[in-house]
Amino acid sequence: MQGIHGTVATGLLSRFRVIRSTDNDEMRAYVARLLTPSRATPAHEGAQIAAELSAVDLGAVSLVYGRSDGDELHVQNTEFLSYYDVHFAVTGHNLLECEDGRVLLDHTTAGIISPRMRADMRLSDGYSQLHLRIERFALEGHLERMLGQPVPGPVRFQPRMDLTVPALASWERLVGQLVQDLGSPTGLSAGGGGALWGEFLISGLLLAQPHNYSDQLARRQAGSGRPPSVRRVIELIEDDPAGDLSLPRLAQVAGVGPRSLQRHFRDFMGVSPREYVEHVRLSRAHHDLLAGAGSTVAEIAFRWGFGHVSRFAGAYRARYGVPPSQTLRSACRPAGNGI
């Protein structure tokens, strides 16, 4: 297996084709639903573009394959991404630009766009591309489990992915194996193994591609321990997140001065004590909102130590991508009402 580029471009994910069309408006609507809203402009006025899309939803991870023929295309995202989007050039090339840099995608180079970013792409005629979409909550939650600590987020990956680097080459082969498996109606993914693929792909990406938490992850993998002062504070926060967790109280429990505690937290946790407290409180509130364990957002926010509902709502939306009221409404919706 030669990864993505060892697969046959023609008919890639053909079992999951959702549209083949020359109608630009129709295609744009499908792209907005599967990925993010965008605008596509041919290099030559009046050129007719034939395009197709295939898509597979595996839960936290989705695969979207697209191909366009008829002219070069300039594609611009019109909204910020809310997920992680890995771009593999299957045939042709794509000049991908985002705020973190410019990457020319081909068979040796992939690209990744992180949440809160927009992309500008210039696709060659006959270009085909595989998107690996990873939901933000899944990747950041997975990283938290790997680190054993909160991730205030978002994770920001370096946009250029060198597929000749051994670790990324192995990871790309894994993606190719998933594509091959999806080609069979009796493959592992068809038997409910989609979540397993997702976990493996997310772990591999976090280990293989540099990002703003890579140093912390490397220290964790190497077994770097936390000092007793940090461990005592973490135990207090986890045991009583709604209690008095002011910096003076935390420093008293740690047995060090406030400045030393803040420095230790930065060194070993990557966040300040205040950020860690907010993270734990948000996590507990999120769990209650998902379970419908409260009649109002305010009730749940106050339960977990948030004194200002508006600030809680802003922090919650920044982390989970939706307002807390939407999570609570979804939890309280009667079964059978649909989406």
Protein backbone atom coordinates (compact mmCIF):
# COMPACT_ATOMS: atom_id res chain seq x y z
CA MET A 1 0.00 0.00 0.00
CA GLN A 2 1.44 3.37 -1.04
CA GLY A 3 -0.82 5.68 0.97
CA ILE A 4 -3.17 8.14 -0.70
CA HIS A 5 -1.10 8.26 -3.85
CA GLY A 6 -1.11 4.48 -4.12
CA THR A 7 -4.89 4.55 -4.48
CA VAL A 8 -6.56 4.89 -7.85
CA ALA A 9 -7.70 8.50 -8.27
CA THR A 10 -10.52 7.61 -10.64
CA GLY A 11 -13.39 6.31 -8.58
CA LEU A 12 -11.80 7.13 -5.21
CA LEU A 13 -14.57 6.59 -2.61
CA SER A 14 -16.95 6.06 -5.55
CA ARG A 15 -19.24 3.99 -3.32
CA PHE A 16 -19.94 7.19 -1.41
CA ARG A 17 -20.44 9.68 -4.25
CA VAL A 18 -22.94 12.37 -3.30
CA ILE A 19 -22.91 14.57 -6.43
CA ARG A 20 -21.48 14.93 -9.93
CA SER A 21 -22.50 18.18 -11.59
CA THR A 22 -21.61 21.17 -13.77
CA ASP A 23 -23.91 23.43 -11.73
CA ASN A 24 -21.64 25.70 -9.66
CA ASP A 25 -24.40 26.76 -7.24
CA GLU A 26 -25.40 23.16 -6.58
CA MET A 27 -21.80 22.14 -5.99
CA ARG A 28 -21.18 25.11 -3.69
CA ALA A 29 -24.14 24.08 -1.52
CA TYR A 30 -22.74 20.57 -1.10
CA VAL A 31 -19.25 21.85 -0.27
CA ALA A 32 -20.75 24.15 2.39
CA ARG A 33 -22.59 21.22 3.95
CA LEU A 34 -19.68 18.77 3.92
CA LEU A 35 -16.81 21.19 4.59
CA THR A 36 -17.19 24.96 4.84
CA PRO A 37 -18.83 27.71 2.73
CA SER A 38 -16.59 28.80 -0.14
CA ARG A 39 -16.50 30.62 -3.45
CA ALA A 40 -14.99 29.02 -6.60
CA THR A 41 -13.97 31.15 -9.60
CA PRO A 42 -12.59 29.70 -12.88
CA ALA A 43 -9.39 31.22 -14.25
CA HIS A 44 -11.17 31.96 -17.56
CA GLU A 45 -14.57 33.61 -17.68
CA GLY A 46 -17.27 31.33 -19.04
CA ALA A 47 -15.33 28.10 -18.46
CA GLN A 48 -17.59 25.18 -17.61
CA ILE A 49 -16.41 23.18 -14.60
CA ALA A 50 -17.41 19.57 -14.10
CA ALA A 51 -17.01 18.47 -10.50
CA GLU A 52 -17.80 15.56 -8.21
CA LEU A 53 -17.84 14.92 -4.47
CA SER A 54 -17.80 11.76 -2.38
CA ALA A 55 -18.12 11.73 1.39
CA VAL A 56 -17.91 9.25 4.28
CA ASP A 57 -18.87 10.18 7.84
CA LEU A 58 -17.10 8.08 10.48
CA GLY A 59 -18.20 10.19 13.44
CA ALA A 60 -15.42 12.44 14.68
CA VAL A 61 -13.55 11.88 11.41
CA SER A 62 -14.93 12.33 7.88
CA LEU A 63 -13.44 11.82 4.43
CA VAL A 64 -14.43 14.07 1.53
CA TYR A 65 -13.06 13.48 -1.97
CA GLY A 66 -13.46 16.13 -4.67
CA ARG A 67 -12.42 16.49 -8.28
CA SER A 68 -12.81 19.36 -10.77
CA ASP A 69 -12.18 19.48 -14.53
CA GLY A 70 -12.49 22.21 -17.15
CA ASP A 71 -10.22 25.01 -15.90
CA GLU A 72 -8.00 26.14 -13.05
CA LEU A 73 -10.03 27.25 -10.03
CA HIS A 74 -9.55 29.91 -7.38
CA VAL A 75 -11.35 28.73 -4.23
CA GLN A 76 -11.81 30.97 -1.20
CA ASN A 77 -13.33 29.95 2.12
CA THR A 78 -15.91 32.54 3.10
CA GLU A 79 -16.10 31.46 6.76
CA PHE A 80 -13.59 30.38 9.41
CA LEU A 81 -13.15 26.65 9.86
CA SER A 82 -14.54 25.04 12.99
CA TYR A 83 -12.63 21.77 12.47
CA TYR A 84 -9.20 20.46 11.37
CA ASP A 85 -8.91 19.93 7.62
CA VAL A 86 -6.07 17.86 6.17
CA HIS A 87 -5.70 18.29 2.38
CA PHE A 88 -4.12 15.56 0.24
CA ALA A 89 -3.50 16.31 -3.43
CA VAL A 90 -4.39 13.07 -5.25
CA THR A 91 -3.84 14.38 -8.81
CA GLY A 92 -2.58 17.80 -9.91
CA HIS A 93 -1.52 20.49 -7.47
CA ASN A 94 -3.01 23.14 -5.19
CA LEU A 95 -1.43 26.34 -3.88
CA LEU A 96 -2.90 26.60 -0.39
CA GLU A 97 -2.64 29.87 1.54
CA CYS A 98 -3.75 30.58 5.11
CA GLU A 99 -2.64 32.99 7.81
CA ASP A 100 0.09 30.57 8.94
CA GLY A 101 1.73 30.26 5.55
CA ARG A 102 1.64 29.10 1.93
CA VAL A 103 1.94 25.45 0.87
CA LEU A 104 2.10 23.90 -2.60
CA LEU A 105 0.28 20.58 -2.33
CA ASP A 106 1.40 17.68 -4.51
CA HIS A 107 2.20 13.99 -4.06
CA THR A 108 4.98 14.76 -1.54
CA THR A 109 3.30 17.55 0.42
CA ALA A 110 -0.06 17.76 2.18
CA GLY A 111 -1.53 20.69 4.10
CA ILE A 112 -3.56 21.17 7.26
CA ILE A 113 -5.80 24.07 8.25
CA SER A 114 -6.62 24.57 11.92
CA PRO A 115 -9.85 26.00 13.40
CA ARG A 116 -10.44 29.77 13.32
CA MET A 117 -8.59 29.98 10.01
CA ARG A 118 -9.67 30.52 6.41
CA ALA A 119 -7.94 29.26 3.29
CA ASP A 120 -7.35 30.54 -0.22
CA MET A 121 -6.65 27.80 -2.81
CA ARG A 122 -5.60 27.75 -6.46
CA LEU A 123 -6.38 24.37 -8.01
CA SER A 124 -4.89 23.09 -11.26
CA ASP A 125 -7.19 21.81 -14.00
CA GLY A 126 -8.02 18.17 -13.35
CA TYR A 127 -7.19 18.53 -9.68
CA SER A 128 -8.50 15.96 -7.20
CA GLN A 129 -8.15 16.16 -3.46
CA LEU A 130 -8.95 14.12 -0.37
CA HIS A 131 -10.00 16.02 2.74
CA LEU A 132 -9.63 14.39 6.15
CA ARG A 133 -11.98 16.34 8.40
CA ILE A 134 -11.41 15.98 12.15
CA GLU A 135 -13.84 17.62 14.55
CA ARG A 136 -12.18 20.01 16.94
CA PHE A 137 -13.74 18.60 20.11
CA ALA A 138 -12.47 15.12 19.24
CA LEU A 139 -8.88 16.12 18.49
CA GLU A 140 -8.52 18.42 21.48
CA GLY A 141 -10.18 15.91 23.80
CA HIS A 142 -7.82 13.21 22.51
CA LEU A 143 -4.81 15.46 23.12
CA GLU A 144 -6.02 16.15 26.66
CA ARG A 145 -6.07 12.42 27.33
CA MET A 146 -2.58 12.03 25.89
CA LEU A 147 -1.25 14.94 27.96
CA GLY A 148 -3.24 14.28 31.12
CA GLN A 149 -4.02 17.99 31.30
CA PRO A 150 -6.34 20.57 29.75
CA VAL A 151 -5.91 22.03 26.29
CA PRO A 152 -7.23 25.62 26.27
CA GLY A 153 -6.98 25.32 22.48
CA PRO A 154 -7.15 25.46 19.69
CA VAL A 155 -4.30 23.22 18.60
CA ARG A 156 -2.46 25.04 15.81
CA PHE A 157 -0.64 22.75 13.41
CA GLN A 158 2.13 23.84 11.09
CA PRO A 159 0.27 23.99 7.76
CA ARG A 160 2.90 22.20 5.64
CA MET A 161 3.00 18.42 5.96
CA ASP A 162 6.13 16.82 4.45
CA LEU A 163 4.98 13.33 3.43
CA THR A 164 8.58 12.19 2.95
CA VAL A 165 9.22 12.42 6.72
CA PRO A 166 9.01 8.83 8.02
CA ALA A 167 6.35 9.48 10.69
CA LEU A 168 4.08 11.37 8.29
CA ALA A 169 4.71 8.83 5.53
CA SER A 170 3.49 6.09 7.89
CA TRP A 171 0.47 8.18 8.86
CA GLU A 172 -0.39 8.83 5.21
CA ARG A 173 -0.24 5.09 4.53
CA LEU A 174 -2.75 4.62 7.34
CA VAL A 175 -5.11 7.08 5.66
CA GLY A 176 -4.63 5.18 2.40
CA GLN A 177 -5.46 1.91 4.15
CA LEU A 178 -8.68 3.45 5.45
CA VAL A 179 -9.61 4.56 1.93
CA GLN A 180 -8.91 1.06 0.65
CA ASP A 181 -10.94 -0.48 3.48
CA LEU A 182 -13.88 1.80 2.70
CA GLY A 183 -13.82 0.50 -0.86
CA SER A 184 -15.07 -2.86 0.41
CA PRO A 185 -18.60 -3.27 1.79
CA THR A 186 -17.24 -5.92 4.17
CA GLY A 187 -14.22 -3.98 5.45
CA LEU A 188 -13.47 -3.15 9.09
CA SER A 189 -15.00 0.32 8.77
CA ALA A 190 -18.27 -1.22 7.52
CA GLY A 191 -18.45 -3.36 10.65
CA GLY A 192 -18.59 -0.44 13.06
CA GLY A 193 -14.84 0.18 13.15
CA GLY A 194 -15.05 3.83 12.11
CA ALA A 195 -14.42 5.09 15.66
CA LEU A 196 -11.28 2.95 15.93
CA TRP A 197 -9.93 4.38 12.68
CA GLY A 198 -10.63 7.87 14.00
CA GLU A 199 -8.79 7.33 17.28
CA PHE A 200 -5.76 5.90 15.50
CA LEU A 201 -5.66 8.70 12.90
CA ILE A 202 -5.96 11.45 15.52
CA SER A 203 -3.20 9.94 17.69
CA GLY A 204 -0.90 9.60 14.70
CA LEU A 205 -1.49 13.13 13.49
CA LEU A 206 -0.77 14.61 16.92
CA LEU A 207 2.49 12.66 17.15
CA ALA A 208 3.67 13.13 13.56
CA GLN A 209 2.81 16.74 12.65
CA PRO A 210 4.29 19.67 14.64
CA HIS A 211 1.85 21.87 16.56
CA ASN A 212 1.82 24.26 19.49
CA TYR A 213 1.55 21.41 22.03
CA SER A 214 4.24 19.19 20.51
CA ASP A 215 6.87 20.05 23.14
CA GLN A 216 4.48 19.26 25.99
CA LEU A 217 3.46 16.02 24.31
CA ALA A 218 7.11 15.03 23.87
CA ARG A 219 7.80 15.68 27.56
CA ARG A 220 4.75 13.63 28.50
CA GLN A 221 5.83 10.79 26.24
CA ALA A 222 9.27 10.92 27.86
CA GLY A 223 7.67 10.60 31.31
CA SER A 224 8.51 14.06 32.66
CA GLY A 225 6.84 14.26 36.11
CA ARG A 226 5.01 17.11 37.81
CA PRO A 227 6.34 18.64 41.04
CA PRO A 228 4.36 17.98 44.25
CA SER A 229 3.16 21.61 44.38
CA VAL A 230 1.42 21.24 41.00
CA ARG A 231 -0.01 17.82 41.86
CA ARG A 232 -1.57 19.13 45.09
CA VAL A 233 -3.23 22.03 43.26
CA ILE A 234 -4.55 19.78 40.49
CA GLU A 235 -6.08 17.43 43.08
CA LEU A 236 -7.84 20.34 44.78
CA ILE A 237 -9.20 21.73 41.49
CA GLU A 238 -10.43 18.32 40.32
CA ASP A 239 -12.03 17.52 43.68
CA ASP A 240 -13.79 20.86 44.20
CA PRO A 241 -13.90 22.88 40.95
CA ALA A 242 -16.77 25.08 42.18
CA GLY A 243 -15.01 26.06 45.40
CA ASP A 244 -12.65 28.89 46.31
CA LEU A 245 -9.87 28.51 43.76
CA SER A 246 -8.33 31.95 43.97
CA LEU A 247 -4.60 32.20 43.36
CA PRO A 248 -3.80 32.86 47.08
CA ARG A 249 -5.75 29.74 48.07
CA LEU A 250 -4.04 27.62 45.42
CA ALA A 251 -0.61 28.92 46.42
CA GLN A 252 -1.34 28.07 50.07
CA VAL A 253 -2.27 24.50 49.12
CA ALA A 254 0.80 24.23 46.88
CA GLY A 255 3.13 25.44 49.61
CA VAL A 256 4.85 27.94 47.30
CA GLY A 257 4.37 31.60 46.44
CA PRO A 258 1.83 32.70 43.80
CA ARG A 259 4.52 33.58 41.25
CA SER A 260 6.28 30.25 41.72
CA LEU A 261 2.99 28.40 41.33
CA GLN A 262 2.19 30.23 38.11
CA ARG A 263 5.66 29.49 36.76
CA HIS A 264 5.40 25.80 37.69
CA PHE A 265 1.99 25.52 36.03
CA ARG A 266 3.28 27.12 32.85
CA ASP A 267 6.29 24.83 32.79
CA PHE A 268 4.50 21.54 33.50
CA MET A 269 0.89 22.13 32.41
CA GLY A 270 1.27 24.67 29.63
CA VAL A 271 -1.45 26.91 31.12
CA SER A 272 -1.88 29.21 34.10
CA PRO A 273 -3.74 28.02 37.24
CA ARG A 274 -6.67 30.27 36.28
CA GLU A 275 -6.87 28.71 32.82
CA TYR A 276 -6.79 25.23 34.31
CA VAL A 277 -9.62 26.09 36.71
CA GLU A 278 -11.74 27.45 33.86
CA HIS A 279 -11.04 24.37 31.77
CA VAL A 280 -12.18 21.97 34.51
CA ARG A 281 -15.27 24.03 35.25
CA LEU A 282 -16.17 24.17 31.56
CA SER A 283 -15.74 20.40 31.26
CA ARG A 284 -18.06 19.74 34.23
CA ALA A 285 -20.64 22.21 32.92
CA HIS A 286 -20.43 20.67 29.45
CA HIS A 287 -21.12 17.22 30.92
CA ASP A 288 -24.20 18.51 32.74
CA LEU A 289 -25.48 20.36 29.68
CA LEU A 290 -25.12 17.22 27.56
CA ALA A 291 -27.00 15.24 30.21
CA GLY A 292 -29.69 17.90 30.63
CA ALA A 293 -28.82 18.03 34.34
CA GLY A 294 -30.38 21.44 34.93
CA SER A 295 -33.31 23.49 33.74
CA THR A 296 -31.32 26.56 32.66
CA VAL A 297 -27.82 27.46 31.51
CA ALA A 298 -27.49 29.85 34.44
CA GLU A 299 -28.24 27.08 36.95
CA ILE A 300 -25.48 24.89 35.54
CA ALA A 301 -23.02 27.78 35.20
CA PHE A 302 -23.46 28.82 38.84
CA ARG A 303 -23.23 25.19 39.98
CA TRP A 304 -19.69 24.99 38.63
CA GLY A 305 -18.38 28.27 39.93
CA PHE A 306 -19.08 30.70 37.08
CA GLY A 307 -20.25 34.01 38.49
CA HIS A 308 -21.18 35.63 35.17
CA VAL A 309 -23.43 33.71 32.77
CA SER A 310 -22.44 35.86 29.78
CA ARG A 311 -18.72 35.18 30.35
CA PHE A 312 -19.46 31.49 30.78
CA ALA A 313 -21.43 31.45 27.52
CA GLY A 314 -18.57 33.14 25.66
CA ALA A 315 -15.94 30.76 27.02
CA TYR A 316 -18.17 27.75 26.34
CA ARG A 317 -18.80 28.76 22.74
CA ALA A 318 -15.08 29.41 22.15
CA ARG A 319 -14.25 25.90 23.32
CA TYR A 320 -17.17 23.81 22.02
CA GLY A 321 -18.22 25.80 18.97
CA VAL A 322 -21.87 26.25 20.00
CA PRO A 323 -23.65 28.29 22.68
CA PRO A 324 -24.45 26.39 25.90
CA SER A 325 -28.17 26.95 25.32
CA GLN A 326 -27.95 24.89 22.13
CA THR A 327 -26.30 21.97 23.96
CA LEU A 328 -28.97 22.07 26.67
CA ARG A 329 -31.83 22.25 24.12
CA SER A 330 -30.40 19.23 22.27
CA ALA A 331 -30.23 17.27 25.52
CA CYS A 332 -33.82 18.14 26.41
CA ARG A 333 -35.28 17.46 22.95
CA PRO A 334 -37.76 14.56 23.07
CA ALA A 335 -36.69 11.39 21.26
CA GLY A 336 -38.02 11.09 17.73
CA ASN A 337 -37.96 14.79 16.90
CA GLY A 338 -35.10 14.35 14.43
CA ILE A 339 -32.36 16.87 13.88
